[in-house]
C-alpha cells in the first residue's frame, strides 16, 4: 500500500542522514523505525501485565515487607 509521508525540513534531513549512515533507503529506515516502536510498545505492555500480576498475587507479602 502506498503512502505519502510529509516531513518538515529538519525531519527530512534527519531521515536522509540516517539512511546514508545506515546504507539504507529512506523507506527502509521508516519501516525499521515503525517495527522498533511496535516492539517497544509490545514489550512495555507485557512488562505492565507481569507487574500487575505480581502486585495482585503478592499483595500480602509486599504489604508485610513494607511494614
Protein backbone atom coordinates (compact mmCIF):
# COMPACT_ATOMS: atom_id res chain seq x y z
CA UNK A 1 0.00 0.00 0.00
CA UNK A 2 1.43 3.37 -0.98
CA UNK A 3 1.55 6.26 1.44
CA UNK A 4 2.77 9.84 1.32
CA UNK A 5 4.86 10.98 4.26
CA UNK A 6 5.15 14.72 4.75
CA UNK A 7 8.12 15.82 6.82
CA UNK A 8 9.37 19.24 7.79
CA UNK A 9 12.88 20.15 6.71
CA UNK A 10 14.53 19.08 9.95
CA UNK A 11 12.95 15.62 9.90
CA UNK A 12 13.68 15.19 6.19
CA UNK A 13 17.35 16.00 6.84
CA UNK A 14 17.42 13.59 9.78
CA UNK A 15 15.86 10.81 7.70
CA UNK A 16 18.32 11.44 4.88
CA UNK A 17 21.27 11.37 7.29
CA UNK A 18 20.10 8.12 8.90
CA UNK A 19 19.59 6.50 5.51
CA UNK A 20 23.08 7.47 4.36
CA UNK A 21 24.68 6.43 7.65
CA UNK A 22 22.96 3.01 7.60
CA UNK A 23 23.32 2.50 3.83
CA UNK A 24 19.56 2.04 3.54
CA UNK A 25 16.78 3.71 1.64
CA UNK A 26 14.64 6.25 3.44
CA UNK A 27 11.74 3.81 3.11
CA UNK A 28 13.73 1.10 4.88
CA UNK A 29 14.64 3.49 7.70
CA UNK A 30 10.99 4.44 8.21
CA UNK A 31 9.86 0.78 8.17
CA UNK A 32 12.52 -0.19 10.71
CA UNK A 33 11.52 2.72 12.95
CA UNK A 34 7.89 1.57 12.88
CA UNK A 35 8.87 -2.02 13.68
CA UNK A 36 11.13 -0.95 16.55
CA UNK A 37 8.40 1.29 18.00
CA UNK A 38 5.83 -1.51 17.81
CA UNK A 39 8.23 -3.94 19.51
CA UNK A 40 8.89 -1.43 22.33
CA UNK A 41 5.18 -0.89 22.89
CA UNK A 42 4.55 -4.64 22.95
CA UNK A 43 7.37 -5.16 25.44
CA UNK A 44 6.01 -2.36 27.64
CA UNK A 45 2.53 -3.89 27.62
CA UNK A 46 3.90 -7.32 28.56
CA UNK A 47 6.01 -5.79 31.33
CA UNK A 48 2.98 -3.95 32.74
CA UNK A 49 0.91 -7.15 32.66
CA UNK A 50 3.62 -9.07 34.53
CA UNK A 51 3.94 -6.31 37.13
CA UNK A 52 0.17 -6.17 37.62
CA UNK A 53 0.09 -9.95 38.14
CA UNK A 54 2.93 -9.78 40.68
CA UNK A 55 1.25 -6.96 42.58
CA UNK A 56 -2.01 -8.88 42.69
CA UNK A 57 -0.55 -12.28 43.60
CA UNK A 58 1.94 -10.96 46.15
CA UNK A 59 -0.05 -8.09 47.66
CA UNK A 60 0.07 -9.52 51.19
CA UNK A 61 3.80 -10.20 51.01
CA UNK A 62 4.54 -6.75 49.61
CA UNK A 63 2.43 -5.20 52.35
CA UNK A 64 4.29 -7.18 55.04
CA UNK A 65 7.65 -6.15 53.60
CA UNK A 66 6.66 -2.50 53.66
CA UNK A 67 5.94 -2.62 57.41
